[in-house]
N, C-alpha and C. Protein backbone atom coordinates (compact mmCIF):
# COMPACT_ATOMS: atom_id res chain seq x y z
N MET A 1 0.84 -1.11 0.00
CA MET A 1 0.07 0.02 0.21
C MET A 1 0.89 1.11 -0.02
N PRO A 2 0.38 2.11 -0.71
CA PRO A 2 1.35 3.73 -0.80
C PRO A 2 1.36 4.11 0.55
N ILE A 3 2.42 5.15 0.53
CA ILE A 3 2.52 5.65 2.14
C ILE A 3 1.77 7.09 2.03
N ARG A 4 0.22 7.00 2.82
CA ARG A 4 -0.38 8.15 2.88
C ARG A 4 0.19 9.52 3.44
N VAL A 5 0.56 10.79 2.72
CA VAL A 5 0.86 12.08 2.85
C VAL A 5 0.03 13.02 3.12
N VAL A 6 0.04 13.71 4.33
CA VAL A 6 -0.67 15.43 4.17
C VAL A 6 0.45 16.24 4.22
N LEU A 7 -0.01 16.92 3.22
CA LEU A 7 1.37 18.58 2.90
C LEU A 7 1.01 19.46 3.93
N ALA A 8 1.43 20.24 5.14
CA ALA A 8 1.55 21.41 5.20
C ALA A 8 2.32 22.60 5.70
N ASP A 9 2.09 23.50 4.40
CA ASP A 9 3.44 24.18 4.14
C ASP A 9 2.48 25.73 3.23
N ASP A 10 2.80 27.04 3.87
CA ASP A 10 2.60 27.79 3.12
C ASP A 10 2.94 28.79 2.40
N HIS A 11 3.88 28.26 2.09
CA HIS A 11 4.67 28.48 0.33
C HIS A 11 4.28 27.70 -0.22
N PRO A 12 3.51 28.10 -1.09
CA PRO A 12 2.91 26.67 -2.07
C PRO A 12 3.71 26.65 -3.42
N PRO A 13 5.06 27.25 -3.83
CA PRO A 13 6.00 26.48 -4.73
C PRO A 13 6.34 25.26 -3.86
N LEU A 14 6.87 25.45 -2.23
CA LEU A 14 7.54 23.84 -2.21
C LEU A 14 6.58 22.88 -1.97
N ARG A 15 5.36 23.35 -1.34
CA ARG A 15 3.97 22.40 -0.99
C ARG A 15 3.79 21.78 -2.83
N LEU A 16 3.68 22.33 -3.85
CA LEU A 16 3.21 21.86 -5.05
C LEU A 16 4.32 21.20 -5.39
N GLY A 17 5.41 21.57 -5.27
CA GLY A 17 6.42 20.81 -5.83
C GLY A 17 6.79 19.60 -5.21
N LEU A 18 6.74 19.43 -4.06
CA LEU A 18 6.43 18.26 -3.47
C LEU A 18 5.32 16.98 -3.54
N ARG A 19 4.67 17.54 -3.96
CA ARG A 19 3.31 17.09 -4.25
C ARG A 19 3.39 16.54 -5.55
N ALA A 20 4.20 17.01 -6.26
CA ALA A 20 4.26 16.55 -8.06
C ALA A 20 5.07 15.91 -7.74
N LEU A 21 6.21 15.45 -6.69
CA LEU A 21 7.40 14.46 -6.54
C LEU A 21 6.87 13.56 -6.52
N LEU A 22 6.40 13.49 -4.98
CA LEU A 22 5.48 12.34 -4.28
C LEU A 22 4.58 11.72 -5.31
N SER A 23 3.67 12.36 -5.67
CA SER A 23 2.65 11.45 -6.73
C SER A 23 2.76 11.38 -7.64
N ALA A 24 4.17 11.68 -8.46
CA ALA A 24 4.41 10.30 -9.35
C ALA A 24 5.09 8.81 -9.20
N SER A 25 5.23 8.99 -7.79
CA SER A 25 5.63 7.49 -7.32
C SER A 25 4.48 6.65 -6.77
N PRO A 26 4.78 5.71 -7.29
CA PRO A 26 3.17 4.66 -6.93
C PRO A 26 3.55 4.37 -5.26
N ASP A 27 4.68 4.86 -4.93
CA ASP A 27 5.21 4.08 -3.21
C ASP A 27 4.16 5.04 -2.29
N PHE A 28 4.01 6.85 -2.58
CA PHE A 28 3.31 7.45 -2.29
C PHE A 28 1.47 7.81 -2.27
N GLU A 29 0.63 8.68 -1.48
CA GLU A 29 -0.42 8.86 -1.90
C GLU A 29 -0.30 10.13 -1.42
N VAL A 30 -0.92 11.50 -1.80
CA VAL A 30 -1.02 12.71 -1.06
C VAL A 30 -2.23 13.06 -0.85
N VAL A 31 -3.06 12.69 0.08
CA VAL A 31 -3.88 12.59 0.73
C VAL A 31 -4.52 13.57 1.16
N GLY A 32 -3.83 14.84 1.61
CA GLY A 32 -4.12 16.12 1.73
C GLY A 32 -3.29 16.96 1.79
N GLU A 33 -3.56 18.45 1.71
CA GLU A 33 -2.60 19.73 1.84
C GLU A 33 -3.65 20.88 2.33
N ALA A 34 -2.49 21.48 2.82
CA ALA A 34 -3.13 22.53 3.94
C ALA A 34 -1.95 24.02 3.59
N GLY A 35 -2.63 25.22 3.60
CA GLY A 35 -1.66 25.97 3.84
C GLY A 35 -1.15 26.62 5.37
N ASP A 36 -2.07 26.57 5.90
CA ASP A 36 -2.36 26.96 7.30
C ASP A 36 -2.34 25.94 8.31
N GLY A 37 -2.12 26.14 9.78
CA GLY A 37 -2.13 25.14 10.53
C GLY A 37 -3.38 24.61 11.37
N GLU A 38 -4.29 25.23 10.83
CA GLU A 38 -6.15 24.79 10.93
C GLU A 38 -6.48 23.76 10.46
N THR A 39 -6.21 24.23 9.12
CA THR A 39 -6.34 23.46 8.33
C THR A 39 -5.90 21.80 8.28
N ALA A 40 -4.52 22.39 8.45
CA ALA A 40 -3.86 20.87 8.56
C ALA A 40 -4.41 19.94 9.94
N LEU A 41 -4.75 20.53 10.81
CA LEU A 41 -4.82 19.57 12.06
C LEU A 41 -6.53 18.75 11.64
N ALA A 42 -7.12 19.60 11.00
CA ALA A 42 -8.27 19.14 10.82
C ALA A 42 -8.38 18.13 9.85
N LEU A 43 -7.49 17.93 8.62
CA LEU A 43 -7.23 17.32 7.68
C LEU A 43 -6.81 15.84 8.19
N LEU A 44 -5.73 15.88 9.21
CA LEU A 44 -4.92 15.07 9.96
C LEU A 44 -6.10 14.46 10.99
N GLU A 45 -6.93 15.14 11.11
CA GLU A 45 -7.93 14.02 12.31
C GLU A 45 -8.36 13.46 11.40
N ARG A 46 -9.26 14.36 10.05
CA ARG A 46 -10.05 13.19 9.42
C ARG A 46 -9.30 12.28 8.49
N LEU A 47 -8.51 12.26 8.39
CA LEU A 47 -7.78 11.81 7.20
C LEU A 47 -7.02 10.35 7.83
N GLN A 48 -6.50 10.71 8.70
CA GLN A 48 -5.07 9.78 9.86
C GLN A 48 -4.38 9.67 8.52
N PRO A 49 -2.75 10.08 8.20
CA PRO A 49 -2.24 9.98 7.42
C PRO A 49 -0.63 8.83 7.77
N ASP A 50 0.01 7.98 7.46
CA ASP A 50 1.18 7.85 7.84
C ASP A 50 1.90 8.67 7.48
N VAL A 51 2.30 9.94 6.94
CA VAL A 51 2.81 10.87 7.83
C VAL A 51 3.00 12.18 7.19
N ALA A 52 2.89 12.84 8.48
CA ALA A 52 2.79 14.76 8.25
C ALA A 52 3.88 15.49 7.82
N VAL A 53 3.96 16.08 7.02
CA VAL A 53 4.67 16.79 6.80
C VAL A 53 4.61 18.40 6.99
N LEU A 54 5.13 19.01 7.71
CA LEU A 54 4.62 20.09 8.23
C LEU A 54 5.81 21.31 8.27
N ASP A 55 5.44 22.46 7.88
CA ASP A 55 5.96 23.27 8.11
C ASP A 55 6.27 23.86 9.27
N ILE A 56 7.31 24.44 9.95
CA ILE A 56 7.01 24.69 11.44
C ILE A 56 6.43 25.93 11.17
N ARG A 57 6.48 27.18 10.71
CA ARG A 57 6.10 28.30 10.72
C ARG A 57 4.81 28.48 10.07
N LEU A 58 4.09 27.36 9.84
CA LEU A 58 2.70 27.97 9.62
C LEU A 58 1.68 28.87 10.61
N PRO A 59 1.15 29.68 9.50
CA PRO A 59 -0.20 30.47 10.14
C PRO A 59 -0.97 30.04 10.97
N GLN A 60 -1.40 30.39 12.01
CA GLN A 60 -2.98 29.97 12.73
C GLN A 60 -2.20 29.41 14.15
N ARG A 61 -1.89 27.88 13.52
CA ARG A 61 -1.01 26.43 14.42
C ARG A 61 0.18 26.67 13.83
N ASP A 62 1.37 26.42 14.55
CA ASP A 62 2.28 26.24 14.07
C ASP A 62 3.01 24.52 13.56
N GLY A 63 3.43 24.31 13.11
CA GLY A 63 4.03 23.07 13.29
C GLY A 63 4.31 22.71 14.31
N LEU A 64 5.29 22.73 15.23
CA LEU A 64 5.38 22.17 16.50
C LEU A 64 4.29 21.93 17.10
N THR A 65 3.44 23.14 17.32
CA THR A 65 1.85 23.15 17.83
C THR A 65 1.42 22.47 17.47
N ILE A 66 1.36 21.46 16.13
CA ILE A 66 0.40 20.52 15.37
C ILE A 66 0.96 18.96 16.00
N ALA A 67 2.33 19.40 16.04
CA ALA A 67 3.27 18.27 16.29
C ALA A 67 2.65 17.61 17.89
N ARG A 68 2.92 18.88 18.60
CA ARG A 68 2.53 18.78 20.15
C ARG A 68 0.92 17.92 20.24
N GLU A 69 0.16 18.10 19.30
CA GLU A 69 -1.28 17.96 19.63
C GLU A 69 -1.44 16.53 18.91
N ILE A 70 -0.91 16.11 17.96
CA ILE A 70 -0.57 14.66 17.15
C ILE A 70 -0.21 14.13 18.33
N ARG A 71 0.93 14.14 18.96
CA ARG A 71 1.41 13.01 19.90
C ARG A 71 0.72 13.46 21.36
N ARG A 72 -0.55 14.21 21.97
CA ARG A 72 -1.05 14.51 22.76
C ARG A 72 -1.97 13.52 22.47
N ARG A 73 -3.06 13.78 21.09
CA ARG A 73 -3.67 12.76 21.39
C ARG A 73 -3.70 11.41 20.62
N GLY A 74 -2.12 11.00 20.55
CA GLY A 74 -2.34 9.54 20.37
C GLY A 74 -2.33 8.75 18.81
N TRP A 75 -2.31 9.72 18.37
CA TRP A 75 -2.17 9.66 16.58
C TRP A 75 -1.33 8.90 16.18
N PRO A 76 -1.42 7.51 15.74
CA PRO A 76 0.04 7.00 15.38
C PRO A 76 0.28 7.50 13.57
N ILE A 77 0.61 8.92 13.67
CA ILE A 77 1.42 9.60 12.48
C ILE A 77 2.61 9.99 12.66
N ARG A 78 3.49 9.96 11.73
CA ARG A 78 4.56 10.00 11.39
C ARG A 78 4.96 11.36 11.41
N VAL A 79 5.50 12.45 12.45
CA VAL A 79 5.89 13.76 11.77
C VAL A 79 7.15 14.12 11.07
N LEU A 80 7.06 14.93 10.15
CA LEU A 80 8.26 14.92 9.72
C LEU A 80 7.97 16.65 9.59
N LEU A 81 9.12 17.51 9.97
CA LEU A 81 9.15 19.10 10.44
C LEU A 81 9.93 19.35 9.29
N LEU A 82 9.31 20.94 8.34
CA LEU A 82 10.48 21.39 7.51
C LEU A 82 10.55 22.41 8.25
N SER A 83 12.01 23.36 8.18
CA SER A 83 12.05 24.32 8.81
C SER A 83 13.30 25.23 7.74
N ALA A 84 13.16 26.51 7.90
CA ALA A 84 14.03 27.22 7.04
C ALA A 84 15.32 27.85 8.12
N TYR A 85 15.07 26.98 9.47
CA TYR A 85 15.79 27.72 10.34
C TYR A 85 16.82 26.53 11.12
N GLU A 86 17.93 26.71 11.56
CA GLU A 86 18.51 26.15 12.21
C GLU A 86 18.85 26.23 13.80
N ASP A 87 17.73 27.32 14.44
CA ASP A 87 17.90 27.59 15.56
C ASP A 87 17.48 26.13 16.49
N GLU A 88 18.92 26.14 17.61
CA GLU A 88 19.15 24.91 18.49
C GLU A 88 17.64 24.86 19.48
N ALA A 89 17.13 25.91 19.24
CA ALA A 89 16.18 25.94 20.73
C ALA A 89 14.76 25.51 19.29
N LEU A 90 14.59 25.72 18.52
CA LEU A 90 13.64 24.61 17.97
C LEU A 90 13.74 23.18 17.78
N ILE A 91 15.27 23.09 17.38
CA ILE A 91 15.50 21.83 17.65
C ILE A 91 15.35 20.68 18.29
N GLN A 92 15.48 21.48 19.44
CA GLN A 92 15.71 20.67 20.86
C GLN A 92 14.18 20.70 21.29
N GLU A 93 13.31 21.86 21.21
CA GLU A 93 11.88 21.49 20.88
C GLU A 93 11.17 20.44 20.47
N ALA A 94 11.31 20.21 19.43
CA ALA A 94 10.90 19.20 18.30
C ALA A 94 11.28 17.97 18.63
N LEU A 95 12.79 17.97 19.09
CA LEU A 95 13.12 16.49 19.58
C LEU A 95 12.08 16.84 21.04
N ALA A 96 12.10 17.27 21.99
CA ALA A 96 11.17 17.01 23.04
C ALA A 96 10.26 16.39 23.20
N ILE A 97 9.24 17.33 21.48
CA ILE A 97 7.82 16.74 21.52
C ILE A 97 7.78 14.98 20.89
N GLY A 98 9.21 14.73 20.23
CA GLY A 98 9.15 13.38 19.34
C GLY A 98 8.61 13.57 18.08
N VAL A 99 9.05 13.99 17.34
CA VAL A 99 8.86 13.80 15.81
C VAL A 99 9.73 13.11 15.21
N ASP A 100 9.45 12.71 14.01
CA ASP A 100 10.36 11.52 13.14
C ASP A 100 11.51 12.13 12.13
N GLY A 101 11.13 13.43 12.09
CA GLY A 101 12.26 14.12 11.49
C GLY A 101 12.36 15.69 11.27
N TYR A 102 13.46 15.95 10.81
CA TYR A 102 13.59 17.45 10.67
C TYR A 102 14.09 18.07 9.75
N LEU A 103 13.94 18.48 8.51
CA LEU A 103 14.17 18.92 7.28
C LEU A 103 14.72 20.54 7.43
N LEU A 104 15.61 20.81 6.66
CA LEU A 104 15.83 22.34 6.30
C LEU A 104 14.99 22.36 4.93
N LYS A 105 14.33 23.40 4.85
CA LYS A 105 13.86 24.03 3.50
C LYS A 105 14.56 24.16 2.07
N GLN A 106 15.91 24.23 2.47
CA GLN A 106 17.01 24.50 1.26
C GLN A 106 17.13 23.03 0.80
N GLU A 107 16.83 21.73 1.58
CA GLU A 107 16.74 20.68 0.64
C GLU A 107 16.46 20.48 -0.18
N ASP A 108 16.83 19.40 -1.19
CA ASP A 108 16.04 19.51 -2.56
C ASP A 108 14.72 18.83 -2.16
N VAL A 109 13.49 18.51 -3.14
CA VAL A 109 12.21 18.18 -2.81
C VAL A 109 12.81 16.58 -2.85
N GLU A 110 13.81 15.78 -3.87
CA GLU A 110 14.13 14.85 -3.58
C GLU A 110 14.69 13.79 -2.41
N THR A 111 15.31 14.91 -1.66
CA THR A 111 16.00 14.19 -0.47
C THR A 111 14.99 14.65 0.36
N ILE A 112 13.53 15.15 0.47
CA ILE A 112 12.66 15.85 1.07
C ILE A 112 12.20 14.25 1.27
N ALA A 113 11.56 13.83 -0.37
CA ALA A 113 10.73 12.89 -0.41
C ALA A 113 11.29 11.42 0.24
N ALA A 114 12.64 11.34 0.17
CA ALA A 114 13.42 10.10 1.13
C ALA A 114 13.14 10.35 2.35
N ALA A 115 13.20 11.13 2.98
CA ALA A 115 13.14 11.41 4.08
C ALA A 115 11.57 10.92 4.91
N VAL A 116 10.63 11.49 3.75
CA VAL A 116 9.01 11.19 4.23
C VAL A 116 9.42 9.37 3.91
N ARG A 117 9.76 9.23 2.85
CA ARG A 117 9.54 7.23 3.17
C ARG A 117 10.55 7.06 3.96
N SER A 118 11.79 7.35 4.90
CA SER A 118 12.30 7.32 5.88
C SER A 118 11.21 7.04 7.22
N ALA A 119 10.92 8.27 7.37
CA ALA A 119 9.84 8.49 8.69
C ALA A 119 8.82 7.57 8.55
N ALA A 120 7.96 7.10 7.09
CA ALA A 120 7.07 6.05 7.02
C ALA A 120 7.78 4.70 7.71
N GLN A 121 8.73 4.43 7.62
CA GLN A 121 9.60 3.14 7.98
C GLN A 121 9.87 2.95 9.34
N GLY A 122 9.83 4.20 10.35
CA GLY A 122 9.80 4.45 11.66
C GLY A 122 11.37 5.10 11.69
N LEU A 123 11.94 5.23 10.43
CA LEU A 123 13.26 5.79 10.40
C LEU A 123 13.69 6.64 10.78
N ALA A 124 14.62 7.73 11.68
CA ALA A 124 14.49 9.30 12.03
C ALA A 124 15.20 9.70 10.47
N ALA A 125 15.05 10.91 10.35
CA ALA A 125 15.25 11.72 8.93
C ALA A 125 15.24 13.25 9.56
N PHE A 126 16.74 13.17 9.70
CA PHE A 126 17.33 14.54 9.96
C PHE A 126 18.30 15.16 9.22
N SER A 127 18.28 16.79 8.97
CA SER A 127 19.23 17.14 7.93
C SER A 127 20.52 17.45 8.51
N ARG A 128 21.87 17.19 7.79
CA ARG A 128 23.04 16.73 8.52
C ARG A 128 23.39 18.41 9.22
N PRO A 129 22.64 19.08 8.72
CA PRO A 129 23.13 20.83 9.19
C PRO A 129 22.18 20.67 10.55
N VAL A 130 21.41 20.02 10.96
CA VAL A 130 20.79 19.86 12.07
C VAL A 130 21.64 18.68 13.07
N LEU A 131 21.87 17.66 12.48
CA LEU A 131 22.68 17.25 13.37
C LEU A 131 23.97 17.92 13.54
N ALA A 132 24.42 18.84 12.73
CA ALA A 132 25.93 19.35 13.13
C ALA A 132 25.08 20.18 14.33
N LYS A 133 24.33 20.44 14.85
CA LYS A 133 24.33 21.67 15.77
C LYS A 133 24.29 20.91 17.14
N MET A 134 24.60 20.01 16.95
CA MET A 134 24.86 19.33 17.91
C MET A 134 26.22 18.64 18.69
N ARG A 135 26.84 19.14 17.16
CA ARG A 135 28.68 19.00 17.20
C ARG A 135 29.15 19.40 18.50
N THR A 136 29.02 20.45 18.95
CA THR A 136 29.87 20.63 20.26
C THR A 136 29.27 20.01 21.58
N LEU A 137 28.19 19.41 21.67
CA LEU A 137 27.67 18.56 22.76
C LEU A 137 28.69 17.69 22.85
N ARG A 138 28.84 17.07 23.46
CA ARG A 138 29.94 16.24 24.18
C ARG A 138 28.86 14.49 24.42
N GLY A 139 29.71 13.81 23.63
CA GLY A 139 28.65 12.18 24.48
C GLY A 139 29.24 11.58 24.98
N GLU A 140 28.36 11.94 26.39
CA GLU A 140 29.24 10.66 27.74
C GLU A 140 28.56 9.73 27.79
N GLY A 141 27.68 9.34 27.13
CA GLY A 141 26.58 8.35 27.38
C GLY A 141 26.69 6.97 26.68
N LEU A 142 27.58 7.16 25.50
CA LEU A 142 27.55 6.52 23.96
C LEU A 142 28.88 5.73 24.23
N THR A 143 29.11 5.22 23.62
CA THR A 143 30.89 4.46 22.93
C THR A 143 30.72 5.50 21.82
N GLU A 144 32.25 5.72 21.45
CA GLU A 144 32.23 6.07 20.09
C GLU A 144 31.88 5.20 18.82
N ARG A 145 31.85 3.78 18.90
CA ARG A 145 31.53 3.42 18.20
C ARG A 145 29.62 3.45 17.66
N GLU A 146 29.44 3.44 19.18
CA GLU A 146 27.68 3.27 19.18
C GLU A 146 27.01 4.83 18.86
N ARG A 147 28.07 6.21 18.88
CA ARG A 147 27.83 7.22 18.54
C ARG A 147 28.06 7.53 16.63
N GLU A 148 28.80 6.61 16.40
CA GLU A 148 28.97 6.70 14.68
C GLU A 148 27.36 6.18 14.37
N ILE A 149 27.13 4.27 14.78
CA ILE A 149 25.95 4.22 14.27
C ILE A 149 24.96 4.96 13.78
N LEU A 150 25.05 5.70 15.42
CA LEU A 150 23.77 6.06 15.65
C LEU A 150 23.06 7.60 14.66
N ALA A 151 24.48 8.35 14.91
CA ALA A 151 24.83 9.40 13.44
C ALA A 151 24.47 9.11 12.25
N LEU A 152 24.90 7.48 11.79
CA LEU A 152 24.19 7.15 10.71
C LEU A 152 23.02 6.83 10.53
N ALA A 153 22.42 6.32 11.68
CA ALA A 153 20.98 5.98 11.44
C ALA A 153 19.97 7.40 11.15
N ALA A 154 20.60 8.11 12.33
CA ALA A 154 19.64 9.34 11.90
C ALA A 154 19.51 9.97 10.68
N GLU A 155 20.52 9.85 9.60
CA GLU A 155 20.52 9.87 8.12
C GLU A 155 19.35 8.82 7.33
N GLY A 156 19.16 8.01 8.18
CA GLY A 156 17.92 7.30 7.31
C GLY A 156 18.96 5.98 7.32
N LEU A 157 19.63 5.51 7.16
CA LEU A 157 20.72 4.38 6.47
C LEU A 157 20.09 3.19 7.53
N THR A 158 20.01 2.45 6.54
CA THR A 158 19.45 0.84 6.88
C THR A 158 20.58 0.13 8.05
N ASN A 159 20.69 -0.81 8.77
CA ASN A 159 21.52 -1.76 9.05
C ASN A 159 22.58 -2.35 8.13
N ARG A 160 22.05 -2.45 6.92
CA ARG A 160 22.77 -3.17 5.80
C ARG A 160 23.76 -1.97 5.47
N ALA A 161 22.98 -0.45 5.46
CA ALA A 161 24.05 0.29 5.11
C ALA A 161 25.02 1.09 5.76
N ILE A 162 24.54 0.63 7.02
CA ILE A 162 25.58 1.17 8.00
C ILE A 162 26.62 0.25 8.22
N ALA A 163 26.40 -0.71 7.84
CA ALA A 163 27.71 -2.00 8.44
C ALA A 163 28.36 -1.78 6.78
N GLN A 164 27.94 -1.32 5.99
CA GLN A 164 28.90 -1.17 4.82
C GLN A 164 29.89 -0.13 4.73
N ARG A 165 28.56 1.22 5.45
CA ARG A 165 30.09 2.15 5.58
C ARG A 165 30.95 2.21 6.69
N LEU A 166 30.57 1.52 7.77
CA LEU A 166 31.37 1.49 8.69
C LEU A 166 32.50 0.34 8.82
N GLY A 167 32.28 -0.97 7.59
CA GLY A 167 33.01 -2.18 7.60
C GLY A 167 32.72 -2.83 8.63
N ILE A 168 31.33 -3.35 8.99
CA ILE A 168 31.06 -4.23 9.96
C ILE A 168 30.11 -4.86 9.63
N SER A 169 29.61 -6.25 10.14
CA SER A 169 28.80 -6.64 9.71
C SER A 169 27.43 -6.28 10.19
N PRO A 170 26.37 -6.37 9.59
CA PRO A 170 24.98 -5.88 9.96
C PRO A 170 24.33 -6.70 11.19
N ARG A 171 25.18 -7.68 12.03
CA ARG A 171 24.68 -7.94 12.69
C ARG A 171 25.09 -7.25 14.10
N THR A 172 26.52 -7.23 13.92
CA THR A 172 27.08 -6.23 14.43
C THR A 172 26.40 -4.85 15.27
N VAL A 173 26.28 -4.15 14.21
CA VAL A 173 24.76 -2.80 13.74
C VAL A 173 24.09 -3.50 14.81
N GLU A 174 23.26 -4.54 14.61
CA GLU A 174 22.08 -4.50 15.29
C GLU A 174 22.08 -4.68 16.64
N TYR A 175 23.28 -5.25 17.41
CA TYR A 175 23.83 -5.60 18.80
C TYR A 175 23.92 -4.41 19.34
N HIS A 176 25.02 -3.23 18.71
CA HIS A 176 24.73 -1.86 18.97
C HIS A 176 23.93 -1.43 19.35
N LEU A 177 22.89 -1.37 18.13
CA LEU A 177 21.42 -0.64 18.37
C LEU A 177 20.73 -1.12 19.55
N SER A 178 20.70 -2.36 19.91
CA SER A 178 19.85 -2.98 21.02
C SER A 178 20.58 -2.55 22.41
N GLN A 179 21.85 -2.40 22.60
CA GLN A 179 22.38 -1.60 23.40
C GLN A 179 22.29 -0.14 23.27
N ILE A 180 22.30 0.71 22.31
CA ILE A 180 21.78 1.67 22.57
C ILE A 180 20.39 1.88 23.07
N PHE A 181 19.36 1.56 22.37
CA PHE A 181 18.05 1.38 23.16
C PHE A 181 17.80 1.08 24.35
N GLY A 182 18.65 -0.25 24.87
CA GLY A 182 18.80 -0.19 26.65
C GLY A 182 19.10 0.71 27.01
N ARG A 183 20.02 1.57 26.84
CA ARG A 183 20.96 2.57 27.26
C ARG A 183 19.96 3.76 27.62
N LEU A 184 19.34 4.27 26.61
CA LEU A 184 18.33 5.42 26.37
C LEU A 184 16.92 4.89 26.82
N GLY A 185 16.73 3.72 27.28
CA GLY A 185 15.36 3.34 27.41
C GLY A 185 14.43 3.64 26.44
N VAL A 186 14.56 3.30 25.07
CA VAL A 186 13.10 3.43 23.80
C VAL A 186 13.61 2.12 22.86
N SER A 187 12.78 2.34 22.48
CA SER A 187 12.19 0.64 21.65
C SER A 187 12.47 0.72 20.30
N ASP A 188 12.87 2.34 19.13
CA ASP A 188 13.61 2.28 17.75
C ASP A 188 13.96 3.00 17.82
N ARG A 189 14.27 3.59 16.27
CA ARG A 189 15.52 3.88 16.10
C ARG A 189 15.27 5.73 16.20
N ALA A 190 14.32 5.91 15.64
CA ALA A 190 14.00 7.52 15.60
C ALA A 190 14.14 7.94 17.29
N ALA A 191 13.31 7.04 17.95
CA ALA A 191 13.27 8.04 19.35
C ALA A 191 14.55 7.51 20.07
N ALA A 192 15.42 6.79 19.32
CA ALA A 192 16.97 6.67 19.80
C ALA A 192 17.84 8.18 19.58
N VAL A 193 17.69 8.28 18.36
CA VAL A 193 18.48 9.62 17.92
C VAL A 193 17.58 10.81 18.74
N ARG A 194 16.13 10.80 18.83
CA ARG A 194 15.92 11.74 19.10
C ARG A 194 16.16 12.12 20.82
N GLU A 195 16.07 11.13 21.80
CA GLU A 195 16.68 11.12 22.96
C GLU A 195 18.06 11.41 22.88
N ALA A 196 18.97 10.62 22.19
CA ALA A 196 20.42 11.16 21.80
C ALA A 196 20.41 12.26 22.09
N LEU A 197 19.91 12.91 20.99
CA LEU A 197 20.54 14.23 20.66
C LEU A 197 19.91 15.41 22.03
N ARG A 198 18.64 14.96 22.92
CA ARG A 198 18.48 15.91 23.79
C ARG A 198 19.41 16.00 24.84
N ARG A 199 20.04 14.56 24.95
CA ARG A 199 21.06 14.35 25.81
C ARG A 199 22.14 14.68 25.58
N GLY A 200 22.52 15.12 24.32
CA GLY A 200 23.86 15.66 23.95
C GLY A 200 24.71 14.30 24.05
N TRP A 201 24.44 13.23 23.56
CA TRP A 201 24.81 12.25 23.41
C TRP A 201 25.19 11.95 21.76
N LEU A 202 24.95 12.60 20.67
CA LEU A 202 25.29 12.03 20.06
C LEU A 202 25.78 13.00 18.69
N ARG A 203 26.93 12.99 18.27
CA ARG A 203 27.57 14.24 17.49
C ARG A 203 27.30 13.95 16.09
N GLU A 204 27.81 14.93 14.86
CA GLU A 204 27.60 13.90 13.49
C GLU A 204 28.94 13.33 13.39
N ALA A 205 28.73 11.98 13.25
CA ALA A 205 30.14 11.25 12.70
C ALA A 205 30.02 10.65 11.41
N ALA A 206 28.69 11.11 10.59
CA ALA A 206 28.89 10.63 9.00
C ALA A 206 29.84 11.02 8.38
N GLY A 207 29.95 10.69 7.17
CA GLY A 207 31.39 11.10 6.34
C GLY A 207 32.49 10.80 6.69
N GLU A 208 33.00 9.89 8.04
CA GLU A 208 33.89 9.49 8.07
C GLU A 208 34.32 8.09 7.29
N GLU A 209 35.63 8.51 7.20
CA GLU A 209 36.15 6.78 6.25
C GLU A 209 35.94 5.82 7.10
N PRO A 210 35.56 4.39 6.66
CA PRO A 210 35.18 3.09 7.51
C PRO A 210 36.41 3.18 7.92
N PRO A 211 36.71 1.96 8.65
CA PRO A 211 38.12 1.50 9.67
C PRO A 211 38.29 0.42 8.18
N SER A 212 40.24 0.54 8.06
CA SER A 212 40.45 -0.09 7.44
C SER A 212 41.36 -0.74 8.41
N PRO A 213 41.97 -2.41 7.61
CA PRO A 213 40.65 -3.19 7.18
C PRO A 213 39.33 -3.49 7.89
N PRO A 214 38.34 -3.95 7.45
CA PRO A 214 37.45 -4.04 7.89
C PRO A 214 37.40 -4.77 9.21
N THR A 215 36.67 -5.23 10.07
CA THR A 215 36.29 -5.75 11.12
C THR A 215 35.05 -5.61 11.78
N ASP A 216 34.86 -7.02 12.46
CA ASP A 216 33.36 -7.29 13.04
C ASP A 216 33.66 -6.61 14.42
N ARG A 217 34.76 -6.26 15.30
CA ARG A 217 34.82 -5.58 16.40
C ARG A 217 34.28 -4.34 16.60
N ALA A 218 33.61 -3.88 17.66
CA ALA A 218 33.43 -2.75 17.92
C ALA A 218 34.56 -2.14 18.82
C-alpha cells in the first residue's frame, strides 16, 4: 500500500513541488494539503495519514504546535518538520515533542521525499546541518562506535547500509543498536536519535572514512 501523506506548508511552490514529486511515485499518495495550521490539523484528524509533513512556521497553528497535538491525542502519525531555521531551541523543542524528522527547506525535494519514506518506515530523518548543531555537545553516555552508528541511523541508513559504511557486519550493527536502545530506554531508532540528541550524546559522525581493514569488532 502507498504511504499516505498530508502536506502542510504556506509556501505553495515548495508544497506543490513536493506534491508533484510524491504523486509521481506509486509509493506515495498525497491525501491532503494545507496552507495553514488549522486546516492541517483538521485534515490530520479526518484522514489519519501515515506521515504529516509540517512547516514549522505555519500560520494559525505552527508545526510544533500541531506535532505536539498529534502526540497528545495519540494519533499513529509520523511527523516530519520542515524549517528554514537551524535554531537550536527549535530543534530541541522538536526533539522533546518526539518528531520523526527535521528537514531544512534548502534541501531539494528529492531529499525531502526520501525523508518522508524514511519516516514512514520508522527511521529518523534529520538534515545534516541539524545534526551538526549538536556537534559541540559531548557524548558521554555512548561509546564512539555507538555514536557513529546512531549518527548514521539519524540520516536514515538501514542496518545493512550502516554496516557497509563502517566495515562491520549487520549483526554487529543490530547488537550496538540494541545496546543503545537499552541505555536510552527506547524501543526504536527514531526515538533513540531524538533522546540521544536531547541528552547531547550524539555528534555528527557521518562522512568519516570506514575503518581499514574491515572488522566486526566494535
